Amino acid sequence: RWGLTVSSSVIGNLSMFLEWHQEDPVDDFERSRNQIIFESNQKNRNPFIDHPEFVGMIYGNQGLSTNGFSYDQTSILYSMYDSNTINIGL
């Protein structure tokens, strides 16, 4: 559709995505884009932009830094919605 070719060996390659996550940390542009999307009609966020440390927590901290993040609870709940109602605009 977009004229891109991606080999099947790249899709689902967790170690490649973890390396990419480590080598290209979240920057101000990505944070700003995440905020703009949230403030638009879309109203959702990318939790991995807001909390890059989630990658290490979800995938077993496979050599990833948590940038000083610490927590005392055994589970973390993250909701990108601020209510129980979804307005689909019809």
PDB file of N, CA and C in Angstrom:
ATOM      1  N   ARG A   1       0.818  -1.189   0.000  1.00  0.00           N
ATOM      2  CA  ARG A   1       0.000   0.000   0.000  1.00  0.00           C
ATOM      3  C   ARG A   1       0.867   1.259   0.000  1.00  0.00           C
ATOM      4  N   TRP A   2       1.905   1.277   0.790  1.00  0.00           N
ATOM      5  CA  TRP A   2       2.729   2.475   0.886  1.00  0.00           C
ATOM      6  C   TRP A   2       4.027   2.337   0.088  1.00  0.00           C
ATOM      7  N   GLY A   3       4.146   1.278  -0.659  1.00  0.00           N
ATOM      8  CA  GLY A   3       5.346   1.093  -1.445  1.00  0.00           C
ATOM      9  C   GLY A   3       6.543   0.628  -0.635  1.00  0.00           C
ATOM     10  N   LEU A   4       6.299   0.104   0.559  1.00  0.00           N
ATOM     11  CA  LEU A   4       7.378  -0.373   1.412  1.00  0.00           C
ATOM     12  C   LEU A   4       7.430  -1.887   1.383  1.00  0.00           C
ATOM     13  N   THR A   5       8.617  -2.415   1.443  1.00  0.00           N
ATOM     14  CA  THR A   5       8.788  -3.853   1.520  1.00  0.00           C
ATOM     15  C   THR A   5       9.483  -4.183   2.832  1.00  0.00           C
ATOM     16  N   VAL A   6       8.859  -5.046   3.617  1.00  0.00           N
ATOM     17  CA  VAL A   6       9.433  -5.470   4.889  1.00  0.00           C
ATOM     18  C   VAL A   6       9.497  -6.985   4.872  1.00  0.00           C
ATOM     19  N   SER A   7      10.676  -7.522   5.100  1.00  0.00           N
ATOM     20  CA  SER A   7      10.801  -8.972   5.081  1.00  0.00           C
ATOM     21  C   SER A   7      10.129  -9.576   6.303  1.00  0.00           C
ATOM     22  N   SER A   8       9.655 -10.784   6.168  1.00  0.00           N
ATOM     23  CA  SER A   8       8.977 -11.454   7.279  1.00  0.00           C
ATOM     24  C   SER A   8       9.924 -11.712   8.440  1.00  0.00           C
ATOM     25  N   SER A   9      11.238 -11.699   8.183  1.00  0.00           N
ATOM     26  CA  SER A   9      12.184 -11.925   9.279  1.00  0.00           C
ATOM     27  C   SER A   9      12.269 -10.713  10.210  1.00  0.00           C
ATOM     28  N   VAL A  10      11.824  -9.540   9.751  1.00  0.00           N
ATOM     29  CA  VAL A  10      11.860  -8.332  10.578  1.00  0.00           C
ATOM     30  C   VAL A  10      10.615  -8.231  11.445  1.00  0.00           C
ATOM     31  N   ILE A  11       9.472  -8.579  10.897  1.00  0.00           N
ATOM     32  CA  ILE A  11       8.225  -8.485  11.653  1.00  0.00           C
ATOM     33  C   ILE A  11       8.251  -9.537  12.755  1.00  0.00           C
ATOM     34  N   GLY A  12       8.033  -9.094  13.969  1.00  0.00           N
ATOM     35  CA  GLY A  12       8.020 -10.019  15.098  1.00  0.00           C
ATOM     36  C   GLY A  12       9.396 -10.312  15.670  1.00  0.00           C
ATOM     37  N   ASN A  13      10.416  -9.622  15.203  1.00  0.00           N
ATOM     38  CA  ASN A  13      11.771  -9.835  15.699  1.00  0.00           C
ATOM     39  C   ASN A  13      11.967  -8.998  16.967  1.00  0.00           C
ATOM     40  N   LEU A  14      11.641  -9.574  18.109  1.00  0.00           N
ATOM     41  CA  LEU A  14      11.657  -8.852  19.376  1.00  0.00           C
ATOM     42  C   LEU A  14      13.020  -8.262  19.687  1.00  0.00           C
ATOM     43  N   SER A  15      14.080  -9.011  19.488  1.00  0.00           N
ATOM     44  CA  SER A  15      15.407  -8.496  19.839  1.00  0.00           C
ATOM     45  C   SER A  15      15.754  -7.254  19.024  1.00  0.00           C
ATOM     46  N   MET A  16      15.321  -7.214  17.743  1.00  0.00           N
ATOM     47  CA  MET A  16      15.579  -6.037  16.925  1.00  0.00           C
ATOM     48  C   MET A  16      14.814  -4.826  17.471  1.00  0.00           C
ATOM     49  N   PHE A  17      13.537  -5.034  17.852  1.00  0.00           N
ATOM     50  CA  PHE A  17      12.740  -3.931  18.376  1.00  0.00           C
ATOM     51  C   PHE A  17      13.262  -3.449  19.729  1.00  0.00           C
ATOM     52  N   LEU A  18      13.744  -4.358  20.558  1.00  0.00           N
ATOM     53  CA  LEU A  18      14.325  -3.960  21.842  1.00  0.00           C
ATOM     54  C   LEU A  18      15.608  -3.152  21.634  1.00  0.00           C
ATOM     55  N   GLU A  19      16.410  -3.574  20.683  1.00  0.00           N
ATOM     56  CA  GLU A  19      17.637  -2.834  20.374  1.00  0.00           C
ATOM     57  C   GLU A  19      17.290  -1.437  19.849  1.00  0.00           C
ATOM     58  N   TRP A  20      16.305  -1.361  18.973  1.00  0.00           N
ATOM     59  CA  TRP A  20      15.859  -0.087  18.414  1.00  0.00           C
ATOM     60  C   TRP A  20      15.355   0.829  19.533  1.00  0.00           C
ATOM     61  N   HIS A  21      14.574   0.270  20.437  1.00  0.00           N
ATOM     62  CA  HIS A  21      14.044   1.032  21.573  1.00  0.00           C
ATOM     63  C   HIS A  21      15.183   1.607  22.415  1.00  0.00           C
ATOM     64  N   GLN A  22      16.215   0.820  22.630  1.00  0.00           N
ATOM     65  CA  GLN A  22      17.347   1.256  23.452  1.00  0.00           C
ATOM     66  C   GLN A  22      18.191   2.313  22.731  1.00  0.00           C
ATOM     67  N   GLU A  23      18.398   2.136  21.441  1.00  0.00           N
ATOM     68  CA  GLU A  23      19.279   3.031  20.694  1.00  0.00           C
ATOM     69  C   GLU A  23      18.606   4.336  20.261  1.00  0.00           C
ATOM     70  N   ASP A  24      17.272   4.347  20.233  1.00  0.00           N
ATOM     71  CA  ASP A  24      16.545   5.546  19.799  1.00  0.00           C
ATOM     72  C   ASP A  24      15.532   5.921  20.876  1.00  0.00           C
ATOM     73  N   PRO A  25      15.989   6.524  21.979  1.00  0.00           N
ATOM     74  CA  PRO A  25      15.076   6.840  23.082  1.00  0.00           C
ATOM     75  C   PRO A  25      14.024   7.872  22.674  1.00  0.00           C
ATOM     76  N   VAL A  26      12.940   7.893  23.414  1.00  0.00           N
ATOM     77  CA  VAL A  26      11.854   8.842  23.185  1.00  0.00           C
ATOM     78  C   VAL A  26      12.410  10.261  23.278  1.00  0.00           C
ATOM     79  N   ASP A  27      12.030  11.089  22.315  1.00  0.00           N
ATOM     80  CA  ASP A  27      12.507  12.475  22.324  1.00  0.00           C
ATOM     81  C   ASP A  27      11.330  13.449  22.439  1.00  0.00           C
ATOM     82  N   ASP A  28      11.641  14.733  22.479  1.00  0.00           N
ATOM     83  CA  ASP A  28      10.607  15.758  22.649  1.00  0.00           C
ATOM     84  C   ASP A  28       9.606  15.768  21.501  1.00  0.00           C
ATOM     85  N   PHE A  29      10.067  15.480  20.279  1.00  0.00           N
ATOM     86  CA  PHE A  29       9.153  15.434  19.139  1.00  0.00           C
ATOM     87  C   PHE A  29       8.089  14.355  19.351  1.00  0.00           C
ATOM     88  N   GLU A  30       8.515  13.167  19.773  1.00  0.00           N
ATOM     89  CA  GLU A  30       7.561  12.073  19.995  1.00  0.00           C
ATOM     90  C   GLU A  30       6.606  12.383  21.142  1.00  0.00           C
ATOM     91  N   ARG A  31       7.122  12.996  22.203  1.00  0.00           N
ATOM     92  CA  ARG A  31       6.247  13.389  23.324  1.00  0.00           C
ATOM     93  C   ARG A  31       5.211  14.410  22.872  1.00  0.00           C
ATOM     94  N   SER A  32       5.648  15.379  22.090  1.00  0.00           N
ATOM     95  CA  SER A  32       4.742  16.407  21.580  1.00  0.00           C
ATOM     96  C   SER A  32       3.683  15.796  20.666  1.00  0.00           C
ATOM     97  N   ARG A  33       4.099  14.915  19.773  1.00  0.00           N
ATOM     98  CA  ARG A  33       3.160  14.239  18.864  1.00  0.00           C
ATOM     99  C   ARG A  33       2.145  13.435  19.654  1.00  0.00           C
ATOM    100  N   ASN A  34       2.593  12.733  20.684  1.00  0.00           N
ATOM    101  CA  ASN A  34       1.707  11.941  21.530  1.00  0.00           C
ATOM    102  C   ASN A  34       0.668  12.843  22.197  1.00  0.00           C
ATOM    103  N   GLN A  35       1.101  14.007  22.664  1.00  0.00           N
ATOM    104  CA  GLN A  35       0.191  14.950  23.318  1.00  0.00           C
ATOM    105  C   GLN A  35      -0.811  15.535  22.325  1.00  0.00           C
ATOM    106  N   ILE A  36      -0.362  15.877  21.132  1.00  0.00           N
ATOM    107  CA  ILE A  36      -1.251  16.426  20.104  1.00  0.00           C
ATOM    108  C   ILE A  36      -2.321  15.410  19.731  1.00  0.00           C
ATOM    109  N   ILE A  37      -1.933  14.155  19.574  1.00  0.00           N
ATOM    110  CA  ILE A  37      -2.901  13.100  19.259  1.00  0.00           C
ATOM    111  C   ILE A  37      -3.913  12.963  20.383  1.00  0.00           C
ATOM    112  N   PHE A  38      -3.437  13.013  21.620  1.00  0.00           N
ATOM    113  CA  PHE A  38      -4.344  12.911  22.763  1.00  0.00           C
ATOM    114  C   PHE A  38      -5.327  14.076  22.794  1.00  0.00           C
ATOM    115  N   GLU A  39      -4.854  15.285  22.525  1.00  0.00           N
ATOM    116  CA  GLU A  39      -5.708  16.471  22.581  1.00  0.00           C
ATOM    117  C   GLU A  39      -6.637  16.592  21.381  1.00  0.00           C
ATOM    118  N   SER A  40      -6.371  15.839  20.322  1.00  0.00           N
ATOM    119  CA  SER A  40      -7.230  15.859  19.140  1.00  0.00           C
ATOM    120  C   SER A  40      -8.467  15.011  19.406  1.00  0.00           C
ATOM    121  N   ASN A  41      -9.243  14.798  18.378  1.00  0.00           N
ATOM    122  CA  ASN A  41     -10.435  13.955  18.520  1.00  0.00           C
ATOM    123  C   ASN A  41     -10.090  12.501  18.797  1.00  0.00           C
ATOM    124  N   GLN A  42      -8.869  12.095  18.515  1.00  0.00           N
ATOM    125  CA  GLN A  42      -8.484  10.692  18.700  1.00  0.00           C
ATOM    126  C   GLN A  42      -8.452  10.299  20.176  1.00  0.00           C
ATOM    127  N   LYS A  43      -7.979  11.173  21.056  1.00  0.00           N
ATOM    128  CA  LYS A  43      -8.003  10.991  22.521  1.00  0.00           C
ATOM    129  C   LYS A  43      -7.306   9.731  23.018  1.00  0.00           C
ATOM    130  N   ASN A  44      -6.269   9.305  22.345  1.00  0.00           N
ATOM    131  CA  ASN A  44      -5.516   8.173  22.892  1.00  0.00           C
ATOM    132  C   ASN A  44      -4.034   8.505  22.916  1.00  0.00           C
ATOM    133  N   ARG A  45      -3.297   7.707  23.646  1.00  0.00           N
ATOM    134  CA  ARG A  45      -1.873   7.938  23.826  1.00  0.00           C
ATOM    135  C   ARG A  45      -1.122   6.635  23.568  1.00  0.00           C
ATOM    136  N   ASN A  46       0.137   6.761  23.251  1.00  0.00           N
ATOM    137  CA  ASN A  46       1.017   5.610  23.150  1.00  0.00           C
ATOM    138  C   ASN A  46       1.706   5.471  24.506  1.00  0.00           C
ATOM    139  N   PRO A  47       1.357   4.440  25.275  1.00  0.00           N
ATOM    140  CA  PRO A  47       1.943   4.315  26.614  1.00  0.00           C
ATOM    141  C   PRO A  47       3.458   4.123  26.589  1.00  0.00           C
ATOM    142  N   PHE A  48       4.011   3.631  25.489  1.00  0.00           N
ATOM    143  CA  PHE A  48       5.459   3.437  25.406  1.00  0.00           C
ATOM    144  C   PHE A  48       6.192   4.761  25.182  1.00  0.00           C
ATOM    145  N   ILE A  49       5.483   5.788  24.731  1.00  0.00           N
ATOM    146  CA  ILE A  49       6.064   7.130  24.645  1.00  0.00           C
ATOM    147  C   ILE A  49       6.027   7.773  26.027  1.00  0.00           C
ATOM    148  N   ASP A  50       4.882   7.649  26.703  1.00  0.00           N
ATOM    149  CA  ASP A  50       4.740   8.215  28.048  1.00  0.00           C
ATOM    150  C   ASP A  50       5.640   7.524  29.061  1.00  0.00           C
ATOM    151  N   HIS A  51       5.795   6.223  28.919  1.00  0.00           N
ATOM    152  CA  HIS A  51       6.558   5.417  29.884  1.00  0.00           C
ATOM    153  C   HIS A  51       7.451   4.421  29.141  1.00  0.00           C
ATOM    154  N   PRO A  52       8.580   4.861  28.604  1.00  0.00           N
ATOM    155  CA  PRO A  52       9.459   3.944  27.878  1.00  0.00           C
ATOM    156  C   PRO A  52       9.927   2.768  28.736  1.00  0.00           C
ATOM    157  N   GLU A  53       9.921   2.951  30.058  1.00  0.00           N
ATOM    158  CA  GLU A  53      10.350   1.869  30.951  1.00  0.00           C
ATOM    159  C   GLU A  53       9.407   0.672  30.908  1.00  0.00           C
ATOM    160  N   PHE A  54       8.185   0.864  30.385  1.00  0.00           N
ATOM    161  CA  PHE A  54       7.244  -0.254  30.271  1.00  0.00           C
ATOM    162  C   PHE A  54       7.814  -1.364  29.396  1.00  0.00           C
ATOM    163  N   VAL A  55       8.629  -1.011  28.399  1.00  0.00           N
ATOM    164  CA  VAL A  55       9.212  -2.025  27.514  1.00  0.00           C
ATOM    165  C   VAL A  55      10.011  -3.032  28.330  1.00  0.00           C
ATOM    166  N   GLY A  56      10.883  -2.542  29.202  1.00  0.00           N
ATOM    167  CA  GLY A  56      11.681  -3.436  30.041  1.00  0.00           C
ATOM    168  C   GLY A  56      10.830  -4.231  31.006  1.00  0.00           C
ATOM    169  N   MET A  57       9.782  -3.596  31.537  1.00  0.00           N
ATOM    170  CA  MET A  57       8.914  -4.280  32.499  1.00  0.00           C
ATOM    171  C   MET A  57       8.096  -5.379  31.818  1.00  0.00           C
ATOM    172  N   ILE A  58       7.601  -5.111  30.624  1.00  0.00           N
ATOM    173  CA  ILE A  58       6.759  -6.081  29.916  1.00  0.00           C
ATOM    174  C   ILE A  58       7.588  -7.222  29.341  1.00  0.00           C
ATOM    175  N   TYR A  59       8.746  -6.902  28.783  1.00  0.00           N
ATOM    176  CA  TYR A  59       9.547  -7.922  28.119  1.00  0.00           C
ATOM    177  C   TYR A  59      10.697  -8.421  28.973  1.00  0.00           C
ATOM    178  N   GLY A  60      10.576  -8.287  30.295  1.00  0.00           N
ATOM    179  CA  GLY A  60      11.530  -8.890  31.205  1.00  0.00           C
ATOM    180  C   GLY A  60      12.817  -8.124  31.381  1.00  0.00           C
ATOM    181  N   ASN A  61      12.810  -6.830  31.052  1.00  0.00           N
ATOM    182  CA  ASN A  61      13.984  -5.987  31.244  1.00  0.00           C
ATOM    183  C   ASN A  61      15.232  -6.632  30.651  1.00  0.00           C
ATOM    184  N   GLN A  62      15.122  -7.031  29.421  1.00  0.00           N
ATOM    185  CA  GLN A  62      16.203  -7.737  28.742  1.00  0.00           C
ATOM    186  C   GLN A  62      17.353  -6.786  28.405  1.00  0.00           C
ATOM    187  N   GLY A  63      18.051  -6.344  29.452  1.00  0.00           N
ATOM    188  CA  GLY A  63      19.183  -5.461  29.251  1.00  0.00           C
ATOM    189  C   GLY A  63      18.804  -4.010  29.027  1.00  0.00           C
ATOM    190  N   LEU A  64      17.540  -3.654  29.249  1.00  0.00           N
ATOM    191  CA  LEU A  64      17.102  -2.288  29.003  1.00  0.00           C
ATOM    192  C   LEU A  64      17.172  -1.459  30.272  1.00  0.00           C
ATOM    193  N   SER A  65      17.545  -0.220  30.114  1.00  0.00           N
ATOM    194  CA  SER A  65      17.569   0.707  31.239  1.00  0.00           C
ATOM    195  C   SER A  65      16.166   1.202  31.533  1.00  0.00           C
ATOM    196  N   THR A  66      15.871   1.392  32.802  1.00  0.00           N
ATOM    197  CA  THR A  66      14.586   1.983  33.175  1.00  0.00           C
ATOM    198  C   THR A  66      14.763   3.449  33.533  1.00  0.00           C
ATOM    199  N   ASN A  67      15.926   4.024  33.252  1.00  0.00           N
ATOM    200  CA  ASN A  67      16.194   5.451  33.469  1.00  0.00           C
ATOM    201  C   ASN A  67      15.812   5.915  34.859  1.00  0.00           C
ATOM    202  N   GLY A  68      16.188   5.160  35.874  1.00  0.00           N
ATOM    203  CA  GLY A  68      15.927   5.568  37.248  1.00  0.00           C
ATOM    204  C   GLY A  68      14.513   5.319  37.720  1.00  0.00           C
ATOM    205  N   PHE A  69      13.702   4.678  36.907  1.00  0.00           N
ATOM    206  CA  PHE A  69      12.318   4.411  37.287  1.00  0.00           C
ATOM    207  C   PHE A  69      12.287   3.317  38.342  1.00  0.00           C
ATOM    208  N   SER A  70      11.517   3.526  39.382  1.00  0.00           N
ATOM    209  CA  SER A  70      11.334   2.484  40.388  1.00  0.00           C
ATOM    210  C   SER A  70       9.871   2.440  40.782  1.00  0.00           C
ATOM    211  N   TYR A  71       9.443   1.306  41.260  1.00  0.00           N
ATOM    212  CA  TYR A  71       8.053   1.151  41.661  1.00  0.00           C
ATOM    213  C   TYR A  71       7.973   0.125  42.773  1.00  0.00           C
ATOM    214  N   ASP A  72       6.937   0.247  43.595  1.00  0.00           N
ATOM    215  CA  ASP A  72       6.753  -0.655  44.724  1.00  0.00           C
ATOM    216  C   ASP A  72       5.629  -1.650  44.512  1.00  0.00           C
ATOM    217  N   GLN A  73       4.811  -1.424  43.536  1.00  0.00           N
ATOM    218  CA  GLN A  73       3.679  -2.317  43.334  1.00  0.00           C
ATOM    219  C   GLN A  73       4.058  -3.462  42.404  1.00  0.00           C
ATOM    220  N   THR A  74       3.287  -4.541  42.465  1.00  0.00           N
ATOM    221  CA  THR A  74       3.595  -5.698  41.641  1.00  0.00           C
ATOM    222  C   THR A  74       2.949  -5.612  40.272  1.00  0.00           C
ATOM    223  N   SER A  75       2.004  -4.714  40.091  1.00  0.00           N
ATOM    224  CA  SER A  75       1.405  -4.523  38.778  1.00  0.00           C
ATOM    225  C   SER A  75       1.161  -3.038  38.561  1.00  0.00           C
ATOM    226  N   ILE A  76       1.163  -2.659  37.315  1.00  0.00           N
ATOM    227  CA  ILE A  76       0.921  -1.268  36.964  1.00  0.00           C
ATOM    228  C   ILE A  76      -0.289  -1.223  36.051  1.00  0.00           C
ATOM    229  N   LEU A  77      -1.235  -0.397  36.408  1.00  0.00           N
ATOM    230  CA  LEU A  77      -2.414  -0.208  35.581  1.00  0.00           C
ATOM    231  C   LEU A  77      -2.245   1.097  34.828  1.00  0.00           C
ATOM    232  N   TYR A  78      -2.473   1.067  33.553  1.00  0.00           N
ATOM    233  CA  TYR A  78      -2.331   2.261  32.745  1.00  0.00           C
ATOM    234  C   TYR A  78      -3.546   2.365  31.855  1.00  0.00           C
ATOM    235  N   SER A  79      -4.264   3.447  31.973  1.00  0.00           N
ATOM    236  CA  SER A  79      -5.435   3.662  31.141  1.00  0.00           C
ATOM    237  C   SER A  79      -5.227   4.897  30.297  1.00  0.00           C
ATOM    238  N   MET A  80      -5.502   4.786  29.014  1.00  0.00           N
ATOM    239  CA  MET A  80      -5.388   5.956  28.161  1.00  0.00           C
ATOM    240  C   MET A  80      -6.726   6.661  28.008  1.00  0.00           C
ATOM    241  N   TYR A  81      -7.747   6.177  28.709  1.00  0.00           N
ATOM    242  CA  TYR A  81      -9.070   6.780  28.642  1.00  0.00           C
ATOM    243  C   TYR A  81      -9.396   7.436  29.969  1.00  0.00           C
ATOM    244  N   ASP A  82     -10.072   8.579  29.904  1.00  0.00           N
ATOM    245  CA  ASP A  82     -10.405   9.285  31.132  1.00  0.00           C
ATOM    246  C   ASP A  82     -11.858   9.097  31.551  1.00  0.00           C
ATOM    247  N   SER A  83     -12.574   8.218  30.859  1.00  0.00           N
ATOM    248  CA  SER A  83     -13.956   7.935  31.253  1.00  0.00           C
ATOM    249  C   SER A  83     -14.331   6.550  30.753  1.00  0.00           C
ATOM    250  N   ASN A  84     -15.498   6.080  31.140  1.00  0.00           N
ATOM    251  CA  ASN A  84     -15.980   4.777  30.688  1.00  0.00           C
ATOM    252  C   ASN A  84     -16.861   4.899  29.457  1.00  0.00           C
ATOM    253  N   THR A  85     -16.942   6.088  28.872  1.00  0.00           N
ATOM    254  CA  THR A  85     -17.795   6.341  27.720  1.00  0.00           C
ATOM    255  C   THR A  85     -16.939   6.592  26.494  1.00  0.00           C
ATOM    256  N   ILE A  86     -17.336   5.994  25.394  1.00  0.00           N
ATOM    257  CA  ILE A  86     -16.659   6.237  24.127  1.00  0.00           C
ATOM    258  C   ILE A  86     -17.646   6.921  23.195  1.00  0.00           C
ATOM    259  N   ASN A  87     -17.307   8.117  22.738  1.00  0.00           N
ATOM    260  CA  ASN A  87     -18.144   8.855  21.808  1.00  0.00           C
ATOM    261  C   ASN A  87     -17.611   8.608  20.410  1.00  0.00           C
ATOM    262  N   ILE A  88     -18.394   7.935  19.575  1.00  0.00           N
ATOM    263  CA  ILE A  88     -17.932   7.632  18.222  1.00  0.00           C
ATOM    264  C   ILE A  88     -18.384   8.687  17.216  1.00  0.00           C
ATOM    265  N   GLY A  89     -19.039   9.733  17.689  1.00  0.00           N
ATOM    266  CA  GLY A  89     -19.348  10.884  16.854  1.00  0.00           C
ATOM    267  C   GLY A  89     -20.404  10.664  15.797  1.00  0.00           C
ATOM    268  N   LEU A  90     -21.332   9.759  16.028  1.00  0.00           N
ATOM    269  CA  LEU A  90     -22.408   9.555  15.047  1.00  0.00           C
ATOM    270  C   LEU A  90     -23.597  10.416  15.356  1.00  0.00           C
TER     271      LEU A  90
END
